[in-house]
């Protein structure tokens, strides 16, 4: 029988990981949350590869980081803005979710998501306008964020109120929601 080989990676607490930049392809272990992360040589803390990184936000504007995967609003008393990182700096294939955990989101207390610089979100902005609502985004890495998930109430609020010559029909075609 062959003796097993022990492999050990750099490790440290979440606070230590938050100030360390792992080399490209280097795996580090966050001992606070028991999860590995992989480095790209330039992103501080690397990218978590197990368990979603959750960022709690309490009633404030927030600038999303390339390492964020879930931004959770735990309190909300006024309209707030989440500014997205550049699409070129967010990992391809990763989904960024923004949720209202407070239950206080509404049309007047919305969470508006804005792209960075000349980046777009399907050519326009996006907003969460419903209690416990959410928005999920994914980037193409070259200037565009795509909405890949949105709660129904916020989605309906984003639809046009009237279109010339239409009957107001909502349907799904090829996985996309359409309105006419």
N, C-alpha and C. Protein backbone atom coordinates (compact mmCIF):
# COMPACT_ATOMS: atom_id res chain seq x y z
N UNK A 1 0.84 -1.17 0.00
CA UNK A 1 0.00 0.00 0.00
C UNK A 1 0.89 1.24 0.00
N UNK A 2 0.51 2.20 -0.81
CA UNK A 2 1.26 3.45 -0.91
C UNK A 2 0.82 4.38 0.21
N UNK A 3 1.78 4.97 0.85
CA UNK A 3 1.47 5.90 1.93
C UNK A 3 0.80 7.15 1.35
N UNK A 4 -0.26 7.63 2.01
CA UNK A 4 -0.92 8.85 1.52
C UNK A 4 0.01 10.05 1.63
N UNK A 5 -0.18 10.97 0.73
CA UNK A 5 0.60 12.20 0.75
C UNK A 5 -0.25 13.32 1.32
N UNK A 6 0.28 14.00 2.28
CA UNK A 6 -0.44 15.11 2.88
C UNK A 6 -0.14 16.38 2.10
N UNK A 7 -1.19 17.11 1.76
CA UNK A 7 -1.04 18.38 1.06
C UNK A 7 -1.60 19.46 1.99
N UNK A 8 -0.84 20.51 2.17
CA UNK A 8 -1.28 21.57 3.06
C UNK A 8 -1.15 22.91 2.32
N UNK A 9 -2.20 23.73 2.40
CA UNK A 9 -2.22 25.02 1.73
C UNK A 9 -2.02 26.14 2.74
N UNK A 10 -1.67 27.32 2.23
CA UNK A 10 -1.64 28.48 3.11
C UNK A 10 -3.01 28.63 3.74
N UNK A 11 -3.03 29.09 4.98
CA UNK A 11 -4.30 29.24 5.67
C UNK A 11 -4.22 30.42 6.61
N UNK A 12 -5.40 30.92 6.99
CA UNK A 12 -5.49 32.03 7.92
C UNK A 12 -6.94 32.40 8.17
N UNK A 13 -7.16 33.26 9.11
CA UNK A 13 -8.52 33.70 9.44
C UNK A 13 -9.08 34.56 8.31
N UNK A 14 -10.38 34.85 8.39
CA UNK A 14 -11.01 35.71 7.39
C UNK A 14 -10.34 37.08 7.38
N UNK A 15 -9.99 37.60 8.55
CA UNK A 15 -9.33 38.90 8.63
C UNK A 15 -7.96 38.85 7.96
N UNK A 16 -7.22 37.76 8.14
CA UNK A 16 -5.91 37.63 7.50
C UNK A 16 -6.07 37.49 5.98
N UNK A 17 -7.06 36.71 5.55
CA UNK A 17 -7.31 36.52 4.13
C UNK A 17 -7.70 37.84 3.47
N UNK A 18 -8.43 38.70 4.21
CA UNK A 18 -8.92 39.97 3.67
C UNK A 18 -7.81 40.95 3.30
N UNK A 19 -6.60 40.71 3.77
CA UNK A 19 -5.49 41.61 3.44
C UNK A 19 -4.37 40.92 2.66
N UNK A 20 -4.63 39.68 2.23
CA UNK A 20 -3.62 38.90 1.53
C UNK A 20 -4.04 38.70 0.08
N UNK A 21 -3.10 38.82 -0.84
CA UNK A 21 -3.36 38.58 -2.25
C UNK A 21 -2.66 37.30 -2.68
N UNK A 22 -3.42 36.20 -2.87
CA UNK A 22 -2.77 34.95 -3.29
C UNK A 22 -2.30 35.03 -4.75
N UNK A 23 -1.24 34.31 -5.04
CA UNK A 23 -0.69 34.26 -6.40
C UNK A 23 -1.69 33.61 -7.35
N UNK A 24 -1.49 33.80 -8.65
CA UNK A 24 -2.37 33.21 -9.64
C UNK A 24 -2.37 31.69 -9.48
N UNK A 25 -3.56 31.13 -9.29
CA UNK A 25 -3.71 29.68 -9.14
C UNK A 25 -3.44 29.16 -7.74
N UNK A 26 -3.01 30.02 -6.83
CA UNK A 26 -2.73 29.59 -5.46
C UNK A 26 -4.03 29.38 -4.68
N UNK A 27 -4.10 28.29 -3.97
CA UNK A 27 -5.25 27.99 -3.12
C UNK A 27 -4.89 28.34 -1.69
N UNK A 28 -5.80 29.09 -1.05
CA UNK A 28 -5.62 29.42 0.36
C UNK A 28 -6.88 28.97 1.10
N UNK A 29 -6.76 28.74 2.40
CA UNK A 29 -7.90 28.26 3.19
C UNK A 29 -8.25 29.30 4.25
N UNK A 30 -9.52 29.70 4.25
CA UNK A 30 -10.07 30.62 5.25
C UNK A 30 -10.49 29.76 6.44
N UNK A 31 -9.76 29.88 7.54
CA UNK A 31 -10.04 29.03 8.71
C UNK A 31 -11.23 29.52 9.52
N UNK A 32 -11.66 30.76 9.32
CA UNK A 32 -12.84 31.28 10.02
C UNK A 32 -14.10 30.63 9.48
N UNK A 33 -14.22 30.52 8.15
CA UNK A 33 -15.42 29.99 7.52
C UNK A 33 -15.22 28.61 6.90
N UNK A 34 -14.05 28.02 7.10
CA UNK A 34 -13.74 26.68 6.58
C UNK A 34 -14.01 26.56 5.09
N UNK A 35 -13.44 27.48 4.31
CA UNK A 35 -13.63 27.42 2.87
C UNK A 35 -12.35 27.81 2.15
N UNK A 36 -12.11 27.17 1.02
CA UNK A 36 -10.94 27.52 0.23
C UNK A 36 -11.23 28.70 -0.70
N UNK A 37 -10.17 29.34 -1.14
CA UNK A 37 -10.25 30.42 -2.12
C UNK A 37 -9.09 30.25 -3.08
N UNK A 38 -9.27 30.73 -4.28
CA UNK A 38 -8.20 30.65 -5.27
C UNK A 38 -7.82 32.05 -5.71
N UNK A 39 -6.52 32.28 -5.92
CA UNK A 39 -6.02 33.59 -6.29
C UNK A 39 -5.87 33.77 -7.78
N UNK A 40 -5.90 35.03 -8.19
CA UNK A 40 -5.62 35.37 -9.59
C UNK A 40 -4.38 36.25 -9.69
N UNK A 41 -3.70 36.46 -8.55
CA UNK A 41 -2.49 37.26 -8.54
C UNK A 41 -2.71 38.73 -8.30
N UNK A 42 -3.98 39.19 -8.37
CA UNK A 42 -4.22 40.62 -8.18
C UNK A 42 -5.41 40.94 -7.27
N UNK A 43 -6.31 39.99 -7.04
CA UNK A 43 -7.48 40.24 -6.21
C UNK A 43 -7.18 39.90 -4.76
N UNK A 44 -7.30 40.92 -3.89
CA UNK A 44 -7.08 40.71 -2.47
C UNK A 44 -8.10 39.69 -1.97
N UNK A 45 -7.66 38.71 -1.19
CA UNK A 45 -8.46 37.63 -0.60
C UNK A 45 -8.78 36.51 -1.58
N UNK A 46 -8.51 36.68 -2.86
CA UNK A 46 -8.83 35.64 -3.83
C UNK A 46 -10.33 35.49 -3.99
N UNK A 47 -10.75 34.42 -4.65
CA UNK A 47 -12.15 34.15 -4.90
C UNK A 47 -12.55 32.88 -4.17
N UNK A 48 -13.58 32.99 -3.32
CA UNK A 48 -14.06 31.82 -2.59
C UNK A 48 -14.54 30.78 -3.58
N UNK A 49 -14.16 29.52 -3.39
CA UNK A 49 -14.58 28.46 -4.31
C UNK A 49 -15.53 27.48 -3.64
N UNK A 50 -15.86 27.71 -2.40
CA UNK A 50 -16.85 26.90 -1.71
C UNK A 50 -17.65 27.81 -0.80
N UNK A 51 -18.90 27.60 -0.74
CA UNK A 51 -19.80 28.45 0.02
C UNK A 51 -19.80 29.86 -0.56
N UNK A 52 -20.95 30.46 -0.55
CA UNK A 52 -21.09 31.80 -1.09
C UNK A 52 -20.59 32.85 -0.12
N UNK A 53 -19.91 33.85 -0.63
CA UNK A 53 -19.47 34.96 0.21
C UNK A 53 -20.67 35.88 0.42
N UNK A 54 -21.05 36.08 1.68
CA UNK A 54 -22.23 36.89 2.02
C UNK A 54 -21.77 38.20 2.66
N UNK A 55 -22.26 39.31 2.12
CA UNK A 55 -21.97 40.62 2.67
C UNK A 55 -23.25 41.23 3.19
N UNK A 56 -23.31 41.52 4.48
CA UNK A 56 -24.49 42.17 5.07
C UNK A 56 -24.34 43.68 4.92
N UNK A 57 -25.43 44.32 4.49
CA UNK A 57 -25.44 45.77 4.36
C UNK A 57 -26.63 46.28 5.16
N UNK A 58 -26.39 47.23 6.05
CA UNK A 58 -27.45 47.77 6.88
C UNK A 58 -27.76 49.21 6.49
N UNK A 59 -28.79 49.37 5.67
CA UNK A 59 -29.37 50.69 5.38
C UNK A 59 -28.35 51.70 4.85
N UNK A 60 -27.58 51.32 3.85
CA UNK A 60 -26.57 52.22 3.28
C UNK A 60 -26.34 51.88 1.81
N UNK A 61 -25.78 52.82 1.09
CA UNK A 61 -25.32 52.53 -0.27
C UNK A 61 -24.14 51.57 -0.15
N UNK A 62 -23.90 50.78 -1.20
CA UNK A 62 -22.81 49.81 -1.14
C UNK A 62 -22.15 49.70 -2.50
N UNK A 63 -20.84 49.61 -2.51
CA UNK A 63 -20.08 49.36 -3.73
C UNK A 63 -19.64 47.91 -3.70
N UNK A 64 -20.18 47.11 -4.62
CA UNK A 64 -19.89 45.68 -4.67
C UNK A 64 -18.43 45.44 -5.03
N UNK A 65 -17.88 44.38 -4.46
CA UNK A 65 -16.50 43.98 -4.71
C UNK A 65 -16.46 42.78 -5.66
N UNK A 66 -15.37 42.56 -6.35
CA UNK A 66 -15.26 41.39 -7.23
C UNK A 66 -15.39 40.06 -6.46
N UNK A 67 -15.19 40.08 -5.15
CA UNK A 67 -15.31 38.85 -4.35
C UNK A 67 -16.71 38.64 -3.79
N UNK A 68 -17.60 39.63 -3.92
CA UNK A 68 -18.98 39.47 -3.42
C UNK A 68 -19.76 38.48 -4.29
N UNK A 69 -20.57 37.67 -3.65
CA UNK A 69 -21.49 36.78 -4.35
C UNK A 69 -22.93 37.00 -3.88
N UNK A 70 -23.11 37.43 -2.64
CA UNK A 70 -24.43 37.70 -2.09
C UNK A 70 -24.35 38.98 -1.26
N UNK A 71 -25.13 39.98 -1.65
CA UNK A 71 -25.23 41.23 -0.89
C UNK A 71 -26.61 41.23 -0.28
N UNK A 72 -26.67 41.19 1.05
CA UNK A 72 -27.94 41.06 1.76
C UNK A 72 -28.24 42.32 2.56
N UNK A 73 -29.31 43.01 2.19
CA UNK A 73 -29.74 44.19 2.95
C UNK A 73 -30.52 43.71 4.17
N UNK A 74 -29.95 43.97 5.35
CA UNK A 74 -30.57 43.54 6.61
C UNK A 74 -31.44 44.62 7.22
N UNK A 75 -31.31 45.85 6.76
CA UNK A 75 -32.15 46.97 7.18
C UNK A 75 -32.27 47.93 6.00
N UNK A 76 -33.46 48.55 5.87
CA UNK A 76 -33.69 49.45 4.75
C UNK A 76 -34.78 50.45 5.16
N UNK A 77 -34.43 51.75 5.22
CA UNK A 77 -35.41 52.77 5.57
C UNK A 77 -35.56 53.82 4.48
N UNK A 78 -34.74 53.74 3.43
CA UNK A 78 -34.79 54.68 2.32
C UNK A 78 -34.26 53.98 1.07
N UNK A 79 -34.47 54.61 -0.07
CA UNK A 79 -33.94 54.05 -1.31
C UNK A 79 -32.41 54.00 -1.23
N UNK A 80 -31.82 52.91 -1.70
CA UNK A 80 -30.37 52.72 -1.64
C UNK A 80 -29.85 52.30 -3.01
N UNK A 81 -28.54 52.46 -3.21
CA UNK A 81 -27.89 52.13 -4.48
C UNK A 81 -26.76 51.14 -4.24
N UNK A 82 -26.70 50.11 -5.08
CA UNK A 82 -25.57 49.18 -5.11
C UNK A 82 -24.82 49.46 -6.41
N UNK A 83 -23.56 49.86 -6.30
CA UNK A 83 -22.72 50.11 -7.46
C UNK A 83 -21.94 48.84 -7.78
N UNK A 84 -22.02 48.39 -9.02
CA UNK A 84 -21.36 47.15 -9.43
C UNK A 84 -19.88 47.37 -9.72
N UNK A 85 -19.08 46.32 -9.55
CA UNK A 85 -17.68 46.41 -9.98
C UNK A 85 -17.62 46.35 -11.51
N UNK A 86 -16.49 46.69 -12.07
CA UNK A 86 -16.32 46.59 -13.52
C UNK A 86 -16.51 45.14 -13.96
N UNK A 87 -17.16 44.95 -15.09
CA UNK A 87 -17.40 43.59 -15.59
C UNK A 87 -16.09 42.86 -15.88
N UNK A 88 -15.05 43.61 -16.24
CA UNK A 88 -13.77 42.98 -16.55
C UNK A 88 -13.08 42.44 -15.31
N UNK A 89 -13.49 42.89 -14.13
CA UNK A 89 -12.86 42.44 -12.89
C UNK A 89 -13.68 41.43 -12.11
N UNK A 90 -14.88 41.08 -12.62
CA UNK A 90 -15.73 40.11 -11.92
C UNK A 90 -15.60 38.77 -12.63
N UNK A 91 -15.45 37.68 -11.88
CA UNK A 91 -15.19 36.39 -12.53
C UNK A 91 -16.33 35.90 -13.41
N UNK A 92 -15.98 35.46 -14.61
CA UNK A 92 -16.97 34.89 -15.53
C UNK A 92 -17.61 33.66 -14.89
N UNK A 93 -18.90 33.52 -15.05
CA UNK A 93 -19.60 32.36 -14.51
C UNK A 93 -20.12 32.56 -13.10
N UNK A 94 -19.58 33.53 -12.38
CA UNK A 94 -20.04 33.79 -11.01
C UNK A 94 -21.31 34.63 -11.06
N UNK A 95 -22.22 34.35 -10.15
CA UNK A 95 -23.47 35.09 -10.08
C UNK A 95 -23.43 35.99 -8.85
N UNK A 96 -23.80 37.25 -9.04
CA UNK A 96 -23.91 38.20 -7.94
C UNK A 96 -25.39 38.34 -7.62
N UNK A 97 -25.75 38.03 -6.37
CA UNK A 97 -27.14 38.16 -5.93
C UNK A 97 -27.25 39.32 -4.94
N UNK A 98 -28.30 40.11 -5.09
CA UNK A 98 -28.59 41.20 -4.18
C UNK A 98 -29.99 40.95 -3.66
N UNK A 99 -30.15 40.91 -2.33
CA UNK A 99 -31.46 40.56 -1.75
C UNK A 99 -31.86 41.55 -0.65
N UNK A 100 -33.17 41.69 -0.49
CA UNK A 100 -33.72 42.46 0.62
C UNK A 100 -34.15 41.48 1.70
N UNK A 101 -33.33 41.31 2.73
CA UNK A 101 -33.69 40.45 3.85
C UNK A 101 -34.52 41.18 4.89
N UNK A 102 -34.57 42.52 4.80
CA UNK A 102 -35.28 43.32 5.79
C UNK A 102 -36.80 43.25 5.61
N UNK A 103 -37.24 43.03 4.38
CA UNK A 103 -38.67 43.03 4.10
C UNK A 103 -39.22 44.44 3.94
N UNK A 104 -38.35 45.45 3.93
CA UNK A 104 -38.80 46.84 3.84
C UNK A 104 -38.64 47.45 2.45
N UNK A 105 -38.21 46.67 1.49
CA UNK A 105 -38.03 47.18 0.14
C UNK A 105 -39.41 47.42 -0.48
N UNK A 106 -39.53 48.51 -1.25
CA UNK A 106 -40.80 48.86 -1.90
C UNK A 106 -40.48 49.76 -3.09
N UNK A 107 -41.51 50.23 -3.77
CA UNK A 107 -41.29 51.13 -4.91
C UNK A 107 -40.58 52.40 -4.46
N UNK A 108 -40.88 52.89 -3.25
CA UNK A 108 -40.22 54.11 -2.77
C UNK A 108 -38.93 53.83 -2.01
N UNK A 109 -38.79 52.66 -1.42
CA UNK A 109 -37.56 52.24 -0.73
C UNK A 109 -36.89 51.14 -1.55
N UNK A 110 -36.56 51.45 -2.78
CA UNK A 110 -35.99 50.44 -3.67
C UNK A 110 -34.48 50.32 -3.50
N UNK A 111 -33.96 49.24 -4.02
CA UNK A 111 -32.51 49.05 -4.10
C UNK A 111 -32.17 49.09 -5.59
N UNK A 112 -31.53 50.18 -6.01
CA UNK A 112 -31.19 50.35 -7.41
C UNK A 112 -29.76 49.89 -7.64
N UNK A 113 -29.56 49.14 -8.69
CA UNK A 113 -28.25 48.60 -9.03
C UNK A 113 -27.72 49.36 -10.24
N UNK A 114 -26.50 49.92 -10.11
CA UNK A 114 -25.93 50.71 -11.19
C UNK A 114 -24.61 50.09 -11.66
N UNK A 115 -24.40 50.05 -12.96
CA UNK A 115 -23.15 49.51 -13.50
C UNK A 115 -22.00 50.48 -13.34
N UNK A 116 -20.80 49.97 -13.50
CA UNK A 116 -19.56 50.74 -13.36
C UNK A 116 -19.22 51.38 -14.71
N UNK A 117 -18.90 52.67 -14.70
CA UNK A 117 -18.43 53.35 -15.92
C UNK A 117 -19.34 53.16 -17.10
N UNK A 118 -18.80 52.66 -18.20
CA UNK A 118 -19.59 52.46 -19.43
C UNK A 118 -20.23 51.08 -19.49
N UNK A 119 -20.07 50.25 -18.45
CA UNK A 119 -20.74 48.95 -18.41
C UNK A 119 -22.25 49.16 -18.44
N UNK A 120 -22.98 48.15 -18.88
CA UNK A 120 -24.44 48.23 -18.92
C UNK A 120 -25.06 47.02 -18.24
N UNK A 121 -26.31 47.16 -17.88
CA UNK A 121 -27.13 46.03 -17.42
C UNK A 121 -28.21 45.89 -18.47
N UNK A 122 -27.99 45.01 -19.43
CA UNK A 122 -28.89 44.86 -20.57
C UNK A 122 -29.26 46.23 -21.13
N UNK A 123 -28.31 47.15 -21.09
CA UNK A 123 -28.51 48.47 -21.64
C UNK A 123 -29.19 49.45 -20.71
N UNK A 124 -29.60 49.01 -19.52
CA UNK A 124 -30.29 49.91 -18.57
C UNK A 124 -29.99 49.46 -17.16
N UNK A 125 -30.47 50.23 -16.19
CA UNK A 125 -30.28 49.89 -14.79
C UNK A 125 -31.30 48.85 -14.34
N UNK A 126 -31.17 48.41 -13.12
CA UNK A 126 -32.09 47.42 -12.56
C UNK A 126 -32.37 47.82 -11.12
N UNK A 127 -33.54 47.42 -10.62
CA UNK A 127 -33.90 47.76 -9.24
C UNK A 127 -34.74 46.66 -8.61
N UNK A 128 -34.61 46.56 -7.29
CA UNK A 128 -35.46 45.66 -6.50
C UNK A 128 -36.50 46.57 -5.87
N UNK A 129 -37.79 46.24 -6.07
CA UNK A 129 -38.86 47.11 -5.61
C UNK A 129 -39.91 46.37 -4.81
N UNK A 130 -39.53 45.24 -4.22
CA UNK A 130 -40.50 44.44 -3.47
C UNK A 130 -39.89 43.91 -2.19
N UNK A 131 -40.72 43.80 -1.15
CA UNK A 131 -40.27 43.22 0.11
C UNK A 131 -39.70 41.83 -0.14
N UNK A 132 -38.55 41.55 0.41
CA UNK A 132 -37.84 40.28 0.26
C UNK A 132 -37.47 39.98 -1.19
N UNK A 133 -37.40 41.03 -2.01
CA UNK A 133 -37.06 40.86 -3.42
C UNK A 133 -35.59 40.57 -3.61
N UNK A 134 -35.24 40.18 -4.83
CA UNK A 134 -33.85 39.86 -5.15
C UNK A 134 -33.56 40.15 -6.61
N UNK A 135 -32.29 40.25 -6.91
CA UNK A 135 -31.81 40.43 -8.26
C UNK A 135 -30.54 39.60 -8.39
N UNK A 136 -30.43 38.85 -9.47
CA UNK A 136 -29.22 38.05 -9.72
C UNK A 136 -28.64 38.49 -11.06
N UNK A 137 -27.32 38.71 -11.08
CA UNK A 137 -26.63 39.22 -12.27
C UNK A 137 -25.42 38.36 -12.60
N UNK A 138 -25.10 38.34 -13.89
CA UNK A 138 -23.90 37.65 -14.35
C UNK A 138 -23.27 38.52 -15.42
N UNK A 139 -21.94 38.54 -15.50
CA UNK A 139 -21.26 39.38 -16.47
C UNK A 139 -20.71 38.58 -17.65
N UNK A 140 -20.58 39.26 -18.77
CA UNK A 140 -19.91 38.64 -19.92
C UNK A 140 -18.43 38.96 -19.93
N UNK A 141 -17.98 39.74 -18.92
CA UNK A 141 -16.57 40.09 -18.81
C UNK A 141 -16.12 41.18 -19.76
N UNK A 142 -17.06 41.71 -20.53
CA UNK A 142 -16.69 42.72 -21.54
C UNK A 142 -17.71 43.84 -21.63
N UNK A 143 -18.15 44.35 -20.47
CA UNK A 143 -19.00 45.54 -20.50
C UNK A 143 -20.48 45.34 -20.25
N UNK A 144 -20.94 44.11 -20.13
CA UNK A 144 -22.38 43.92 -19.93
C UNK A 144 -22.68 42.95 -18.79
N UNK A 145 -23.61 43.37 -17.94
CA UNK A 145 -24.21 42.51 -16.92
C UNK A 145 -25.54 42.03 -17.47
N UNK A 146 -25.89 40.79 -17.20
CA UNK A 146 -27.18 40.25 -17.62
C UNK A 146 -27.97 39.86 -16.38
N UNK A 147 -29.23 40.26 -16.33
CA UNK A 147 -30.11 39.87 -15.24
C UNK A 147 -30.47 38.40 -15.47
N UNK A 148 -30.08 37.53 -14.52
CA UNK A 148 -30.38 36.10 -14.63
C UNK A 148 -31.42 35.66 -13.61
N UNK A 149 -31.87 36.58 -12.77
CA UNK A 149 -32.92 36.28 -11.81
C UNK A 149 -33.45 37.56 -11.19
N UNK A 150 -34.77 37.62 -10.99
CA UNK A 150 -35.42 38.80 -10.44
C UNK A 150 -36.75 38.36 -9.86
N UNK A 151 -37.11 38.88 -8.68
CA UNK A 151 -38.40 38.50 -8.11
C UNK A 151 -39.52 39.04 -9.00
N UNK A 152 -40.65 38.36 -9.01
CA UNK A 152 -41.76 38.67 -9.91
C UNK A 152 -42.30 40.09 -9.70
N UNK A 153 -42.45 40.55 -8.47
CA UNK A 153 -43.00 41.88 -8.22
C UNK A 153 -42.11 42.96 -8.81
N UNK A 154 -40.81 42.86 -8.62
CA UNK A 154 -39.89 43.85 -9.20
C UNK A 154 -39.88 43.76 -10.72
N UNK A 155 -40.01 42.54 -11.25
CA UNK A 155 -40.01 42.35 -12.69
C UNK A 155 -41.24 43.02 -13.30
N UNK A 156 -42.40 42.82 -12.70
CA UNK A 156 -43.62 43.43 -13.22
C UNK A 156 -43.54 44.95 -13.12
N UNK A 157 -42.95 45.48 -12.04
CA UNK A 157 -42.80 46.93 -11.88
C UNK A 157 -41.91 47.51 -12.97
N UNK A 158 -41.00 46.72 -13.53
CA UNK A 158 -40.08 47.19 -14.56
C UNK A 158 -40.69 47.15 -15.96
N UNK A 159 -41.83 46.47 -16.11
CA UNK A 159 -42.46 46.36 -17.43
C UNK A 159 -43.07 47.70 -17.84
N UNK A 160 -43.15 47.95 -19.13
CA UNK A 160 -43.77 49.20 -19.58
C UNK A 160 -45.25 49.21 -19.20
N UNK A 161 -45.77 50.38 -18.87
CA UNK A 161 -47.18 50.47 -18.48
C UNK A 161 -48.10 50.38 -19.69
N UNK A 162 -47.62 50.78 -20.84
CA UNK A 162 -48.44 50.64 -22.04
C UNK A 162 -47.54 50.60 -23.27
N UNK A 163 -47.97 49.84 -24.22
CA UNK A 163 -47.28 49.76 -25.49
C UNK A 163 -48.32 49.98 -26.59
N UNK A 164 -48.01 50.75 -27.61
CA UNK A 164 -49.00 51.00 -28.66
C UNK A 164 -49.44 49.72 -29.35
N UNK A 165 -50.74 49.54 -29.47
CA UNK A 165 -51.29 48.42 -30.22
C UNK A 165 -51.09 47.06 -29.59
N UNK A 166 -50.96 46.98 -28.28
CA UNK A 166 -50.75 45.69 -27.64
C UNK A 166 -51.90 45.36 -26.70
N UNK A 167 -52.00 44.11 -26.36
CA UNK A 167 -53.07 43.65 -25.49
C UNK A 167 -52.59 43.42 -24.06
N UNK A 168 -51.31 43.65 -23.77
CA UNK A 168 -50.79 43.47 -22.42
C UNK A 168 -50.61 42.01 -22.05
N UNK A 169 -49.95 41.24 -22.91
CA UNK A 169 -49.74 39.81 -22.68
C UNK A 169 -48.32 39.58 -22.20
N UNK A 170 -48.17 38.73 -21.21
CA UNK A 170 -46.88 38.37 -20.65
C UNK A 170 -46.64 36.90 -20.96
N UNK A 171 -45.46 36.53 -21.53
CA UNK A 171 -45.18 35.14 -21.84
C UNK A 171 -43.68 34.85 -21.76
N UNK A 172 -43.34 33.55 -21.74
CA UNK A 172 -41.94 33.12 -21.74
C UNK A 172 -41.65 32.47 -23.07
N UNK A 173 -40.58 32.92 -23.72
CA UNK A 173 -40.19 32.36 -25.01
C UNK A 173 -38.68 32.16 -25.01
N UNK A 174 -38.22 30.94 -25.26
CA UNK A 174 -36.79 30.61 -25.26
C UNK A 174 -36.13 31.03 -23.95
N UNK A 175 -36.83 30.84 -22.83
CA UNK A 175 -36.27 31.14 -21.53
C UNK A 175 -36.28 32.60 -21.14
N UNK A 176 -36.84 33.47 -22.00
CA UNK A 176 -36.88 34.90 -21.71
C UNK A 176 -38.32 35.35 -21.53
N UNK A 177 -38.55 36.23 -20.58
CA UNK A 177 -39.88 36.77 -20.33
C UNK A 177 -40.11 37.92 -21.29
N UNK A 178 -41.26 37.92 -21.95
CA UNK A 178 -41.60 38.98 -22.90
C UNK A 178 -42.94 39.58 -22.55
N UNK A 179 -43.16 40.81 -22.99
CA UNK A 179 -44.40 41.52 -22.71
C UNK A 179 -44.85 42.17 -24.01
N UNK A 180 -46.13 42.02 -24.31
CA UNK A 180 -46.66 42.73 -25.48
C UNK A 180 -48.09 43.14 -25.22
